[in-house]
Amino acid sequence: MIRGEVRLEKGQLITPNLTLPLPPQLAELPDKELTHPYYWSAFTLVGSPW
């Protein structure tokens, strides 16, 4: 996500390995880059043991 490889585009979740359709409620979201820490910071916190 931080490298811009995961994004929302035309009602789909685009990743380097696959493209997944979003459910109807989320398909209406505008296209988004997910590089902002708002989207990926929780994964970093969960994956980093103190």
PDB file of N, CA and C in Angstrom:
ATOM      1  N   MET A   1       0.822  -1.191   0.000  1.00  0.00           N
ATOM      2  CA  MET A   1       0.000   0.000   0.000  1.00  0.00           C
ATOM      3  C   MET A   1       0.868   1.259   0.000  1.00  0.00           C
ATOM      4  N   ILE A   2       1.923   1.246   0.777  1.00  0.00           N
ATOM      5  CA  ILE A   2       2.759   2.437   0.887  1.00  0.00           C
ATOM      6  C   ILE A   2       3.466   2.746  -0.444  1.00  0.00           C
ATOM      7  N   ARG A   3       3.711   1.725  -1.250  1.00  0.00           N
ATOM      8  CA  ARG A   3       4.393   1.912  -2.534  1.00  0.00           C
ATOM      9  C   ARG A   3       3.428   2.231  -3.677  1.00  0.00           C
ATOM     10  N   GLY A   4       2.139   2.305  -3.377  1.00  0.00           N
ATOM     11  CA  GLY A   4       1.162   2.628  -4.409  1.00  0.00           C
ATOM     12  C   GLY A   4       0.766   1.451  -5.282  1.00  0.00           C
ATOM     13  N   GLU A   5       1.038   0.246  -4.834  1.00  0.00           N
ATOM     14  CA  GLU A   5       0.714  -0.944  -5.626  1.00  0.00           C
ATOM     15  C   GLU A   5      -0.717  -1.424  -5.403  1.00  0.00           C
ATOM     16  N   VAL A   6      -1.387  -0.899  -4.375  1.00  0.00           N
ATOM     17  CA  VAL A   6      -2.774  -1.262  -4.078  1.00  0.00           C
ATOM     18  C   VAL A   6      -3.600   0.008  -4.197  1.00  0.00           C
ATOM     19  N   ARG A   7      -4.709  -0.084  -4.946  1.00  0.00           N
ATOM     20  CA  ARG A   7      -5.529   1.106  -5.146  1.00  0.00           C
ATOM     21  C   ARG A   7      -6.973   0.707  -5.460  1.00  0.00           C
ATOM     22  N   LEU A   8      -7.872   1.663  -5.300  1.00  0.00           N
ATOM     23  CA  LEU A   8      -9.263   1.487  -5.705  1.00  0.00           C
ATOM     24  C   LEU A   8      -9.419   2.164  -7.059  1.00  0.00           C
ATOM     25  N   GLU A   9      -9.969   1.431  -8.010  1.00  0.00           N
ATOM     26  CA  GLU A   9     -10.109   1.988  -9.350  1.00  0.00           C
ATOM     27  C   GLU A   9     -11.315   1.368 -10.042  1.00  0.00           C
ATOM     28  N   LYS A  10     -12.243   2.194 -10.467  1.00  0.00           N
ATOM     29  CA  LYS A  10     -13.438   1.756 -11.220  1.00  0.00           C
ATOM     30  C   LYS A  10     -14.202   0.644 -10.508  1.00  0.00           C
ATOM     31  N   GLY A  11     -14.383   0.784  -9.191  1.00  0.00           N
ATOM     32  CA  GLY A  11     -15.154  -0.200  -8.431  1.00  0.00           C
ATOM     33  C   GLY A  11     -14.430  -1.499  -8.160  1.00  0.00           C
ATOM     34  N   GLN A  12     -13.101  -1.485  -8.274  1.00  0.00           N
ATOM     35  CA  GLN A  12     -12.318  -2.691  -8.030  1.00  0.00           C
ATOM     36  C   GLN A  12     -11.129  -2.374  -7.143  1.00  0.00           C
ATOM     37  N   LEU A  13     -10.691  -3.385  -6.396  1.00  0.00           N
ATOM     38  CA  LEU A  13      -9.460  -3.287  -5.615  1.00  0.00           C
ATOM     39  C   LEU A  13      -8.357  -3.883  -6.476  1.00  0.00           C
ATOM     40  N   ILE A  14      -7.377  -3.063  -6.837  1.00  0.00           N
ATOM     41  CA  ILE A  14      -6.290  -3.478  -7.717  1.00  0.00           C
ATOM     42  C   ILE A  14      -5.051  -3.738  -6.873  1.00  0.00           C
ATOM     43  N   THR A  15      -4.464  -4.928  -6.982  1.00  0.00           N
ATOM     44  CA  THR A  15      -3.224  -5.284  -6.305  1.00  0.00           C
ATOM     45  C   THR A  15      -2.239  -5.768  -7.374  1.00  0.00           C
ATOM     46  N   PRO A  16      -0.965  -5.928  -7.012  1.00  0.00           N
ATOM     47  CA  PRO A  16      -0.011  -6.409  -8.018  1.00  0.00           C
ATOM     48  C   PRO A  16      -0.345  -7.798  -8.567  1.00  0.00           C
ATOM     49  N   ASN A  17      -1.011  -8.625  -7.772  1.00  0.00           N
ATOM     50  CA  ASN A  17      -1.256 -10.010  -8.178  1.00  0.00           C
ATOM     51  C   ASN A  17      -2.671 -10.292  -8.670  1.00  0.00           C
ATOM     52  N   LEU A  18      -3.650  -9.483  -8.252  1.00  0.00           N
ATOM     53  CA  LEU A  18      -5.018  -9.756  -8.663  1.00  0.00           C
ATOM     54  C   LEU A  18      -5.884  -8.517  -8.591  1.00  0.00           C
ATOM     55  N   THR A  19      -7.051  -8.624  -9.184  1.00  0.00           N
ATOM     56  CA  THR A  19      -8.046  -7.560  -9.175  1.00  0.00           C
ATOM     57  C   THR A  19      -9.332  -8.141  -8.607  1.00  0.00           C
ATOM     58  N   LEU A  20      -9.870  -7.475  -7.562  1.00  0.00           N
ATOM     59  CA  LEU A  20     -11.074  -7.966  -6.901  1.00  0.00           C
ATOM     60  C   LEU A  20     -12.204  -6.956  -7.060  1.00  0.00           C
ATOM     61  N   PRO A  21     -13.408  -7.413  -7.420  1.00  0.00           N
ATOM     62  CA  PRO A  21     -14.538  -6.485  -7.466  1.00  0.00           C
ATOM     63  C   PRO A  21     -14.958  -6.114  -6.048  1.00  0.00           C
ATOM     64  N   LEU A  22     -15.360  -4.871  -5.866  1.00  0.00           N
ATOM     65  CA  LEU A  22     -15.834  -4.418  -4.556  1.00  0.00           C
ATOM     66  C   LEU A  22     -17.324  -4.678  -4.422  1.00  0.00           C
ATOM     67  N   PRO A  23     -17.806  -4.852  -3.184  1.00  0.00           N
ATOM     68  CA  PRO A  23     -19.256  -5.002  -2.990  1.00  0.00           C
ATOM     69  C   PRO A  23     -19.967  -3.715  -3.439  1.00  0.00           C
ATOM     70  N   PRO A  24     -21.246  -3.794  -3.759  1.00  0.00           N
ATOM     71  CA  PRO A  24     -21.975  -2.632  -4.283  1.00  0.00           C
ATOM     72  C   PRO A  24     -21.855  -1.376  -3.415  1.00  0.00           C
ATOM     73  N   GLN A  25     -21.828  -1.546  -2.084  1.00  0.00           N
ATOM     74  CA  GLN A  25     -21.737  -0.385  -1.202  1.00  0.00           C
ATOM     75  C   GLN A  25     -20.404   0.341  -1.369  1.00  0.00           C
ATOM     76  N   LEU A  26     -19.341  -0.390  -1.658  1.00  0.00           N
ATOM     77  CA  LEU A  26     -18.014   0.206  -1.797  1.00  0.00           C
ATOM     78  C   LEU A  26     -17.668   0.533  -3.244  1.00  0.00           C
ATOM     79  N   ALA A  27     -18.345  -0.066  -4.190  1.00  0.00           N
ATOM     80  CA  ALA A  27     -18.057   0.158  -5.604  1.00  0.00           C
ATOM     81  C   ALA A  27     -18.320   1.602  -6.018  1.00  0.00           C
ATOM     82  N   GLU A  28     -19.141   2.304  -5.246  1.00  0.00           N
ATOM     83  CA  GLU A  28     -19.472   3.690  -5.568  1.00  0.00           C
ATOM     84  C   GLU A  28     -18.396   4.676  -5.113  1.00  0.00           C
ATOM     85  N   LEU A  29     -17.387   4.197  -4.379  1.00  0.00           N
ATOM     86  CA  LEU A  29     -16.317   5.080  -3.932  1.00  0.00           C
ATOM     87  C   LEU A  29     -15.515   5.587  -5.123  1.00  0.00           C
ATOM     88  N   PRO A  30     -15.001   6.808  -5.010  1.00  0.00           N
ATOM     89  CA  PRO A  30     -14.170   7.308  -6.115  1.00  0.00           C
ATOM     90  C   PRO A  30     -12.825   6.584  -6.153  1.00  0.00           C
ATOM     91  N   ASP A  31     -12.133   6.701  -7.277  1.00  0.00           N
ATOM     92  CA  ASP A  31     -10.798   6.106  -7.399  1.00  0.00           C
ATOM     93  C   ASP A  31      -9.888   6.708  -6.341  1.00  0.00           C
ATOM     94  N   LYS A  32      -9.059   5.872  -5.690  1.00  0.00           N
ATOM     95  CA  LYS A  32      -8.185   6.342  -4.613  1.00  0.00           C
ATOM     96  C   LYS A  32      -6.836   5.667  -4.676  1.00  0.00           C
ATOM     97  N   GLU A  33      -5.818   6.439  -4.380  1.00  0.00           N
ATOM     98  CA  GLU A  33      -4.492   5.905  -4.091  1.00  0.00           C
ATOM     99  C   GLU A  33      -4.489   5.619  -2.592  1.00  0.00           C
ATOM    100  N   LEU A  34      -3.901   4.533  -2.163  1.00  0.00           N
ATOM    101  CA  LEU A  34      -3.919   4.161  -0.746  1.00  0.00           C
ATOM    102  C   LEU A  34      -2.546   4.329  -0.100  1.00  0.00           C
ATOM    103  N   THR A  35      -1.775   5.299  -0.556  1.00  0.00           N
ATOM    104  CA  THR A  35      -0.421   5.492  -0.046  1.00  0.00           C
ATOM    105  C   THR A  35      -0.378   6.337   1.225  1.00  0.00           C
ATOM    106  N   HIS A  36      -1.445   7.031   1.559  1.00  0.00           N
ATOM    107  CA  HIS A  36      -1.467   7.849   2.781  1.00  0.00           C
ATOM    108  C   HIS A  36      -1.435   6.934   4.009  1.00  0.00           C
ATOM    109  N   PRO A  37      -0.690   7.317   5.066  1.00  0.00           N
ATOM    110  CA  PRO A  37      -0.603   6.485   6.279  1.00  0.00           C
ATOM    111  C   PRO A  37      -1.959   6.143   6.901  1.00  0.00           C
ATOM    112  N   TYR A  38      -2.971   6.922   6.654  1.00  0.00           N
ATOM    113  CA  TYR A  38      -4.305   6.628   7.170  1.00  0.00           C
ATOM    114  C   TYR A  38      -4.729   5.211   6.785  1.00  0.00           C
ATOM    115  N   TYR A  39      -4.371   4.766   5.598  1.00  0.00           N
ATOM    116  CA  TYR A  39      -4.812   3.469   5.086  1.00  0.00           C
ATOM    117  C   TYR A  39      -3.919   2.313   5.522  1.00  0.00           C
ATOM    118  N   TRP A  40      -2.616   2.517   5.668  1.00  0.00           N
ATOM    119  CA  TRP A  40      -1.708   1.388   5.921  1.00  0.00           C
ATOM    120  C   TRP A  40      -1.093   1.358   7.314  1.00  0.00           C
ATOM    121  N   SER A  41      -1.222   2.407   8.112  1.00  0.00           N
ATOM    122  CA  SER A  41      -0.540   2.453   9.405  1.00  0.00           C
ATOM    123  C   SER A  41      -1.037   1.378  10.384  1.00  0.00           C
ATOM    124  N   ALA A  42      -2.292   1.037  10.336  1.00  0.00           N
ATOM    125  CA  ALA A  42      -2.805   0.000  11.253  1.00  0.00           C
ATOM    126  C   ALA A  42      -2.142  -1.343  10.977  1.00  0.00           C
ATOM    127  N   PHE A  43      -1.876  -1.649   9.718  1.00  0.00           N
ATOM    128  CA  PHE A  43      -1.195  -2.902   9.384  1.00  0.00           C
ATOM    129  C   PHE A  43       0.224  -2.897   9.936  1.00  0.00           C
ATOM    130  N   THR A  44       0.874  -1.756   9.920  1.00  0.00           N
ATOM    131  CA  THR A  44       2.228  -1.628  10.458  1.00  0.00           C
ATOM    132  C   THR A  44       2.213  -1.830  11.963  1.00  0.00           C
ATOM    133  N   LEU A  45       1.253  -1.253  12.654  1.00  0.00           N
ATOM    134  CA  LEU A  45       1.166  -1.398  14.105  1.00  0.00           C
ATOM    135  C   LEU A  45       0.894  -2.840  14.511  1.00  0.00           C
ATOM    136  N   VAL A  46       0.003  -3.490  13.821  1.00  0.00           N
ATOM    137  CA  VAL A  46      -0.339  -4.872  14.142  1.00  0.00           C
ATOM    138  C   VAL A  46       0.837  -5.802  13.861  1.00  0.00           C
ATOM    139  N   GLY A  47       1.596  -5.536  12.818  1.00  0.00           N
ATOM    140  CA  GLY A  47       2.691  -6.398  12.427  1.00  0.00           C
ATOM    141  C   GLY A  47       4.004  -6.120  13.151  1.00  0.00           C
ATOM    142  N   SER A  48       4.065  -5.068  13.975  1.00  0.00           N
ATOM    143  CA  SER A  48       5.317  -4.704  14.656  1.00  0.00           C
ATOM    144  C   SER A  48       5.230  -4.987  16.149  1.00  0.00           C
ATOM    145  N   PRO A  49       5.851  -6.062  16.624  1.00  0.00           N
ATOM    146  CA  PRO A  49       5.825  -6.326  18.067  1.00  0.00           C
ATOM    147  C   PRO A  49       6.772  -5.386  18.804  1.00  0.00           C
ATOM    148  N   TRP A  50       6.379  -4.973  20.006  1.00  0.00           N
ATOM    149  CA  TRP A  50       7.250  -4.096  20.799  1.00  0.00           C
ATOM    150  C   TRP A  50       8.071  -4.904  21.726  1.00  0.00           C
TER     151      TRP A  50
END
